[in-house]
Amino acid sequence: MTKSIIIGTAGHIDHGKTALVRALTGVDADRLPEEKRRGITIDLGFADLDLGDVRIGFVDVPGHERFVKNMLAGAHGIDVVALVIAADESVMPQTREHFDICRLLGVRQGLIVITKKDLVEEDLLQLVRAEAEGLVAGSFLADAPVITVSSRTGEGIDELKNMLREIGQQTPSRSSDFVTRLPIDRAFTMRGFGAVVTGTLIAGEISEGDELELLPAPSLTVGFLPGTHVRVRGVQVHGASVVRAGAGQRTAINLGGVEAAEIERGMTLTVPGRLRPTQIVDTQVQMLADAPRALRSRQRVRVHLGAAEVFARVRVLEAGGTGVPPRNHAQDARATVVLTLLTSDVSITLGRNVVS
């Protein structure tokens, strides 16, 4: 049986993430005209790789700091991260930021890919490797494989494919027993079909003919109201039509009962009546040790959950409500807080990681 996993790229701008995906899959994940004109990734890109008993869906994310919210929209559903570091620049600011985001999201598996090896001598390549290993020391990537490649010449690509296959075989399959949830990262109209949404199916199954619910409803202004009921007219996985999509697969769903203009990134497709929107969330936060400031009550924050980004006010319930420790604390700090969402309702599922 073929296992499906999602691998997300992470790393600084111009470190070769998109070129790496193209070298592996033959697909240029930069789909927007502006991306091709400017030569940088702006929004999420997607590609797939068939390795026999492992089918990999790639989520290629932008590396520029201005587009970190787009990176987060794609990183939420990944099983494995490929931390990409260019041999001619080594560890850079967004290398660290993307790595921290993956830690906060609870990613547990990954590898380090050093690109552009054809541009440097071997001694510099070893120095970059040492800096990369220093960055991830003590983390989930501490013992991860480090592969050096050149997307231009193809050197190291076969070795990388073999390693990805091995990692895929070791990655636990997602369960289809939990409540079906598809956080939507794209919505568009396809001529002759109508509304189409895409996302990573993080739990459950979706089959042709299913009756589902879109949350929150496009017209929703207060919590606890029903979402929009829709019908699944068609399902695609990796560009091929299928009868059913399972947890852990990049999925495109053709929907009836709703217009694409009514659907926004961050909405969730789920089973009717099982989830409900909310504007108040009790949660635990993890503050990075090098966070630039303390997290204080009444502070406004951006909350990233699934593919959604919303503003919220935070109320700290511990330490007398004064705040979670500031910069240069000895280690990451944790605290219980209440988040009051300001701009939109979101569908909450217990146990999911939130980044703010």
Protein backbone atom coordinates (compact mmCIF):
# COMPACT_ATOMS: atom_id res chain seq x y z
CA MET A 1 0.00 0.00 0.00
CA THR A 2 1.35 3.43 -0.94
CA LYS A 3 1.89 5.82 1.96
CA SER A 4 1.19 9.53 1.48
CA ILE A 5 3.12 12.17 3.40
CA ILE A 6 3.46 15.95 3.19
CA ILE A 7 6.90 17.55 3.15
CA GLY A 8 7.24 21.29 3.59
CA THR A 9 10.26 23.32 2.61
CA ALA A 10 11.61 25.92 5.03
CA GLY A 11 14.46 28.39 4.80
CA HIS A 12 15.70 31.83 3.85
CA ILE A 13 14.78 33.60 0.63
CA ASP A 14 16.84 32.60 -2.42
CA HIS A 15 18.29 29.52 -0.75
CA GLY A 16 16.94 27.31 -3.51
CA LYS A 17 13.74 25.82 -2.08
CA THR A 18 11.72 26.10 -5.28
CA ALA A 19 14.65 24.99 -7.44
CA LEU A 20 15.06 21.96 -5.17
CA VAL A 21 11.39 20.99 -5.55
CA ARG A 22 11.73 21.38 -9.32
CA ALA A 23 14.87 19.18 -9.38
CA LEU A 24 13.03 16.49 -7.39
CA THR A 25 9.67 16.57 -9.17
CA GLY A 26 10.10 18.39 -12.49
CA VAL A 27 7.38 20.84 -11.38
CA ASP A 28 7.89 24.59 -11.07
CA ALA A 29 5.96 25.38 -7.88
CA ASP A 30 5.97 29.13 -8.62
CA ARG A 31 2.57 29.44 -10.29
CA LEU A 32 1.87 33.21 -10.10
CA PRO A 33 2.98 35.56 -12.91
CA GLU A 34 4.48 37.94 -10.33
CA GLU A 35 6.57 35.10 -8.90
CA LYS A 36 7.98 34.29 -12.31
CA ARG A 37 8.61 37.97 -13.06
CA ARG A 38 10.36 38.73 -9.76
CA GLY A 39 12.07 35.37 -9.39
CA ILE A 40 10.91 34.84 -5.80
CA THR A 41 8.22 32.73 -4.17
CA ILE A 42 5.35 34.82 -2.82
CA ASP A 43 2.60 32.31 -2.07
CA LEU A 44 2.40 28.57 -1.49
CA GLY A 45 3.42 26.21 -4.28
CA PHE A 46 2.71 22.51 -4.64
CA ALA A 47 4.22 19.48 -6.35
CA ASP A 48 4.24 15.72 -5.88
CA LEU A 49 6.78 12.93 -6.16
CA ASP A 50 6.00 9.24 -6.62
CA LEU A 51 8.68 7.04 -5.03
CA GLY A 52 6.84 3.75 -5.41
CA ASP A 53 5.66 2.81 -1.93
CA VAL A 54 5.82 6.45 -0.80
CA ARG A 55 3.94 9.35 -2.41
CA ILE A 56 5.17 12.77 -1.34
CA GLY A 57 3.24 15.99 -1.59
CA PHE A 58 5.53 19.01 -1.41
CA VAL A 59 4.46 22.36 0.00
CA ASP A 60 6.93 25.00 -1.16
CA VAL A 61 6.79 28.09 1.03
CA PRO A 62 8.07 31.66 0.51
CA GLY A 63 11.30 32.57 2.30
CA HIS A 64 10.91 36.35 2.45
CA GLU A 65 10.05 37.75 5.89
CA ARG A 66 7.14 39.75 4.41
CA PHE A 67 5.39 36.54 3.39
CA VAL A 68 5.78 34.58 6.63
CA LYS A 69 1.98 34.37 7.02
CA ASN A 70 1.85 32.48 3.71
CA MET A 71 4.61 30.20 4.98
CA LEU A 72 2.54 29.46 8.08
CA ALA A 73 -0.55 28.69 6.00
CA GLY A 74 1.37 25.90 4.31
CA ALA A 75 3.46 24.68 7.23
CA HIS A 76 0.53 23.75 9.47
CA GLY A 77 -0.20 20.42 7.79
CA ILE A 78 3.27 19.05 7.06
CA ASP A 79 4.56 15.71 8.34
CA VAL A 80 8.23 16.37 7.57
CA VAL A 81 10.23 19.57 7.12
CA ALA A 82 13.11 19.98 4.68
CA LEU A 83 15.18 22.80 6.16
CA VAL A 84 16.96 24.27 3.13
CA ILE A 85 20.24 26.15 3.60
CA ALA A 86 22.32 27.57 0.75
CA ALA A 87 25.99 26.61 0.81
CA ASP A 88 27.05 30.09 -0.32
CA GLU A 89 25.20 31.92 2.49
CA SER A 90 24.77 29.42 5.35
CA VAL A 91 22.27 30.09 8.18
CA MET A 92 20.34 33.34 7.71
CA PRO A 93 17.51 35.13 9.60
CA GLN A 94 14.59 33.33 7.94
CA THR A 95 16.42 30.02 8.33
CA ARG A 96 16.14 30.56 12.08
CA GLU A 97 12.59 31.95 11.91
CA HIS A 98 11.25 29.07 9.82
CA PHE A 99 13.01 26.55 12.06
CA ASP A 100 11.43 28.15 15.15
CA ILE A 101 8.01 28.07 13.50
CA CYS A 102 8.35 24.36 12.83
CA ARG A 103 9.27 23.81 16.47
CA LEU A 104 6.23 25.76 17.64
CA LEU A 105 3.97 23.82 15.26
CA GLY A 106 5.16 20.57 16.77
CA VAL A 107 6.81 19.16 13.65
CA ARG A 108 8.70 16.05 14.75
CA GLN A 109 10.54 14.81 11.66
CA GLY A 110 12.74 16.35 9.04
CA LEU A 111 16.09 16.67 7.36
CA ILE A 112 18.55 19.39 6.43
CA VAL A 113 19.28 20.01 2.74
CA ILE A 114 22.31 22.12 1.88
CA THR A 115 21.81 23.46 -1.64
CA LYS A 116 24.10 25.13 -4.20
CA LYS A 117 27.03 22.87 -3.34
CA ASP A 118 28.46 23.52 -6.80
CA LEU A 119 29.12 27.15 -5.81
CA VAL A 120 31.53 26.51 -2.93
CA GLU A 121 34.65 24.54 -2.07
CA GLU A 122 34.50 21.48 0.18
CA ASP A 123 35.96 23.25 3.25
CA LEU A 124 33.23 25.92 3.13
CA LEU A 125 30.59 23.22 2.61
CA GLN A 126 31.74 21.53 5.82
CA LEU A 127 31.60 24.84 7.67
CA VAL A 128 28.00 25.39 6.56
CA ARG A 129 27.17 21.87 7.66
CA ALA A 130 28.61 22.59 11.10
CA GLU A 131 26.62 25.83 11.40
CA ALA A 132 23.43 24.00 10.40
CA GLU A 133 24.02 21.30 12.97
CA GLY A 134 24.69 23.97 15.59
CA LEU A 135 21.37 25.66 14.79
CA VAL A 136 19.31 22.50 15.34
CA ALA A 137 21.26 21.11 18.31
CA GLY A 138 18.93 19.86 21.03
CA SER A 139 15.85 20.03 18.77
CA PHE A 140 13.80 17.51 16.80
CA LEU A 141 16.34 17.91 13.97
CA ALA A 142 19.38 17.23 16.16
CA ASP A 143 20.01 13.80 14.65
CA ALA A 144 18.39 14.48 11.27
CA PRO A 145 20.14 13.55 8.01
CA VAL A 146 22.12 16.29 6.25
CA ILE A 147 22.18 16.00 2.45
CA THR A 148 24.19 18.29 0.16
CA VAL A 149 22.88 18.86 -3.37
CA SER A 150 23.10 21.00 -6.46
CA SER A 151 19.74 21.60 -8.11
CA ARG A 152 21.57 22.99 -11.14
CA THR A 153 23.81 19.98 -11.84
CA GLY A 154 21.63 17.32 -10.21
CA GLU A 155 24.41 16.18 -7.89
CA GLY A 156 22.97 14.66 -4.71
CA ILE A 157 19.36 14.58 -5.95
CA ASP A 158 19.18 10.78 -6.20
CA GLU A 159 20.66 10.46 -2.72
CA LEU A 160 18.04 12.91 -1.47
CA LYS A 161 15.21 10.93 -3.09
CA ASN A 162 16.42 7.77 -1.39
CA MET A 163 16.52 9.56 1.95
CA LEU A 164 13.03 11.01 1.44
CA ARG A 165 11.71 7.55 0.67
CA GLU A 166 13.32 6.19 3.85
CA ILE A 167 11.88 9.02 5.94
CA GLY A 168 8.47 8.48 4.35
CA GLN A 169 8.51 4.81 5.28
CA GLN A 170 9.29 5.73 8.90
CA THR A 171 6.70 8.52 9.17
CA PRO A 172 3.53 7.40 11.01
CA SER A 173 0.41 7.47 8.86
CA ARG A 174 -2.29 9.92 9.83
CA SER A 175 -5.47 8.45 11.21
CA SER A 176 -8.69 8.57 9.22
CA ASP A 177 -10.69 7.89 12.39
CA PHE A 178 -10.75 11.50 13.61
CA VAL A 179 -13.21 14.21 12.57
CA THR A 180 -12.64 15.17 8.93
CA ARG A 181 -10.86 18.51 8.67
CA LEU A 182 -9.50 20.24 5.58
CA PRO A 183 -8.10 23.72 6.30
CA ILE A 184 -8.44 25.57 3.01
CA ASP A 185 -5.37 27.31 1.59
CA ARG A 186 -6.70 28.05 -1.92
CA ALA A 187 -10.11 28.62 -3.49
CA PHE A 188 -10.82 29.29 -7.16
CA THR A 189 -13.35 28.74 -9.91
CA MET A 190 -12.72 26.16 -12.62
CA ARG A 191 -14.72 26.64 -15.80
CA GLY A 192 -17.36 23.95 -16.14
CA PHE A 193 -16.91 22.75 -12.55
CA GLY A 194 -17.49 25.72 -10.24
CA ALA A 195 -15.83 26.23 -6.87
CA VAL A 196 -12.65 24.28 -6.11
CA VAL A 197 -10.76 24.35 -2.81
CA THR A 198 -7.39 22.84 -1.96
CA GLY A 199 -5.66 21.97 1.30
CA THR A 200 -3.96 19.28 3.31
CA LEU A 201 -6.50 16.80 4.67
CA ILE A 202 -5.23 16.62 8.24
CA ALA A 203 -7.77 14.10 9.52
CA GLY A 204 -10.59 11.87 8.30
CA GLU A 205 -11.68 11.15 4.73
CA ILE A 206 -13.54 12.99 1.99
CA SER A 207 -15.44 11.09 -0.70
CA GLU A 208 -17.31 12.12 -3.80
CA GLY A 209 -20.94 12.80 -2.90
CA ASP A 210 -20.23 13.68 0.76
CA GLU A 211 -22.29 16.40 2.42
CA LEU A 212 -19.90 18.66 4.33
CA GLU A 213 -19.91 21.95 6.21
CA LEU A 214 -17.78 25.01 5.47
CA LEU A 215 -16.77 26.91 8.60
CA PRO A 216 -17.08 29.66 9.49
CA ALA A 217 -20.05 30.63 7.29
CA PRO A 218 -19.16 33.51 4.92
CA SER A 219 -21.80 35.73 6.54
CA LEU A 220 -20.98 34.73 10.12
CA THR A 221 -20.60 37.61 12.58
CA VAL A 222 -21.16 35.87 15.93
CA GLY A 223 -20.21 32.43 17.19
CA PHE A 224 -22.17 29.19 17.42
CA LEU A 225 -24.13 29.59 14.18
CA PRO A 226 -24.09 26.83 11.54
CA GLY A 227 -21.74 27.01 8.60
CA THR A 228 -22.47 26.65 4.91
CA HIS A 229 -23.56 23.17 3.84
CA VAL A 230 -21.86 22.01 0.64
CA ARG A 231 -21.72 18.86 -1.46
CA VAL A 232 -18.56 17.22 -2.78
CA ARG A 233 -18.85 16.98 -6.57
CA GLY A 234 -15.35 15.68 -7.20
CA VAL A 235 -12.07 14.81 -5.46
CA GLN A 236 -8.49 14.98 -6.75
CA VAL A 237 -5.24 13.88 -5.14
CA HIS A 238 -1.93 14.80 -6.82
CA GLY A 239 -3.86 16.00 -9.89
CA ALA A 240 -5.69 12.71 -10.45
CA SER A 241 -9.41 12.13 -9.85
CA VAL A 242 -10.15 9.70 -7.03
CA VAL A 243 -13.25 8.43 -5.27
CA ARG A 244 -11.87 9.14 -1.81
CA ALA A 245 -9.07 11.19 -0.23
CA GLY A 246 -7.52 10.18 3.08
CA ALA A 247 -5.74 11.93 5.91
CA GLY A 248 -2.26 13.18 5.03
CA GLN A 249 -2.95 13.90 1.35
CA ARG A 250 -2.89 17.16 -0.58
CA THR A 251 -6.44 17.35 -1.85
CA ALA A 252 -8.52 19.38 -4.30
CA ILE A 253 -12.29 19.33 -3.75
CA ASN A 254 -14.92 20.48 -6.24
CA LEU A 255 -17.82 21.88 -4.20
CA GLY A 256 -21.46 22.47 -4.97
CA GLY A 257 -23.67 24.85 -3.00
CA VAL A 258 -21.16 27.67 -2.67
CA GLU A 259 -19.33 30.16 -4.88
CA ALA A 260 -15.56 30.43 -4.83
CA ALA A 261 -15.85 34.15 -4.04
CA GLU A 262 -17.46 33.22 -0.71
CA ILE A 263 -14.53 31.03 0.35
CA GLU A 264 -11.41 32.42 2.01
CA ARG A 265 -8.07 30.94 3.01
CA GLY A 266 -8.34 29.73 6.59
CA MET A 267 -11.85 28.32 6.38
CA THR A 268 -12.28 24.65 7.28
CA LEU A 269 -14.18 21.92 5.45
CA THR A 270 -15.56 19.39 7.92
CA VAL A 271 -18.40 17.03 8.81
CA PRO A 272 -21.69 18.86 9.55
CA GLY A 273 -22.41 19.50 13.21
CA ARG A 274 -19.08 18.27 14.62
CA LEU A 275 -17.16 21.56 14.93
CA ARG A 276 -18.34 25.02 15.80
CA PRO A 277 -16.81 28.48 15.39
CA THR A 278 -15.59 30.37 18.44
CA GLN A 279 -14.04 33.70 19.30
CA ILE A 280 -12.60 32.85 22.73
CA VAL A 281 -9.90 30.21 23.16
CA ASP A 282 -8.17 28.91 26.31
CA THR A 283 -4.73 27.67 25.37
CA GLN A 284 -1.13 27.26 26.45
CA VAL A 285 1.54 29.37 24.77
CA GLN A 286 5.23 28.67 24.34
CA MET A 287 7.45 31.75 24.26
CA LEU A 288 10.84 31.30 22.61
CA ALA A 289 13.81 32.08 24.84
CA ASP A 290 15.00 34.80 22.44
CA ALA A 291 11.58 36.40 21.91
CA PRO A 292 12.08 40.19 21.54
CA ARG A 293 9.52 41.12 24.24
CA ALA A 294 7.29 39.67 26.92
CA LEU A 295 3.74 38.57 26.13
CA ARG A 296 1.46 40.75 28.29
CA SER A 297 -2.24 40.89 29.00
CA ARG A 298 -4.27 43.08 26.63
CA GLN A 299 -1.53 42.82 24.00
CA ARG A 300 -2.74 42.35 20.43
CA VAL A 301 -1.30 39.33 18.61
CA ARG A 302 -1.67 37.55 15.29
CA VAL A 303 -2.92 34.00 15.69
CA HIS A 304 -2.18 31.35 13.05
CA LEU A 305 -4.33 28.23 13.23
CA GLY A 306 -4.41 25.85 10.31
CA ALA A 307 -4.37 28.08 7.24
CA ALA A 308 -6.08 30.96 9.08
CA GLU A 309 -4.57 34.19 10.35
CA VAL A 310 -6.61 36.35 12.75
CA PHE A 311 -5.96 39.11 15.27
CA ALA A 312 -6.58 38.50 18.96
CA ARG A 313 -6.24 40.07 22.39
CA VAL A 314 -4.37 37.99 24.93
CA ARG A 315 -5.05 37.63 28.66
CA VAL A 316 -2.30 35.91 30.64
CA LEU A 317 -3.72 33.74 33.45
CA GLU A 318 -0.42 33.00 35.18
CA ALA A 319 2.29 35.10 36.85
CA GLY A 320 -0.38 37.46 38.15
CA GLY A 321 -1.36 38.26 34.58
CA THR A 322 1.72 40.45 34.16
CA GLY A 323 3.23 38.57 31.25
CA VAL A 324 5.25 35.66 29.95
CA PRO A 325 9.02 36.15 30.48
CA PRO A 326 10.85 38.56 28.14
CA ARG A 327 13.90 38.20 25.94
CA ASN A 328 17.00 36.28 27.01
CA HIS A 329 15.11 34.11 29.45
CA ALA A 330 17.10 30.96 30.18
CA GLN A 331 14.72 28.73 28.21
CA ASP A 332 11.41 28.72 26.36
CA ALA A 333 8.61 29.79 28.70
CA ARG A 334 5.06 28.39 28.83
CA ALA A 335 1.90 29.92 30.19
CA THR A 336 -1.88 29.54 30.04
CA VAL A 337 -3.68 32.38 28.26
CA VAL A 338 -7.09 33.31 26.94
CA LEU A 339 -7.21 34.51 23.32
CA THR A 340 -10.14 36.68 22.24
CA LEU A 341 -10.26 36.73 18.45
CA LEU A 342 -10.91 40.19 17.00
CA THR A 343 -11.27 39.89 13.25
CA SER A 344 -12.92 36.57 12.45
CA ASP A 345 -14.28 33.39 13.95
CA VAL A 346 -12.28 30.22 13.39
CA SER A 347 -13.03 26.54 13.83
CA ILE A 348 -11.09 25.16 16.79
CA THR A 349 -10.06 21.55 17.27
CA LEU A 350 -8.51 20.59 20.58
CA GLY A 351 -4.88 19.54 20.42
CA ARG A 352 -3.88 21.61 17.40
CA ASN A 353 -0.78 23.83 17.57
CA VAL A 354 -1.25 27.57 17.22
CA VAL A 355 1.43 30.14 16.35
CA SER A 356 1.06 33.74 17.41
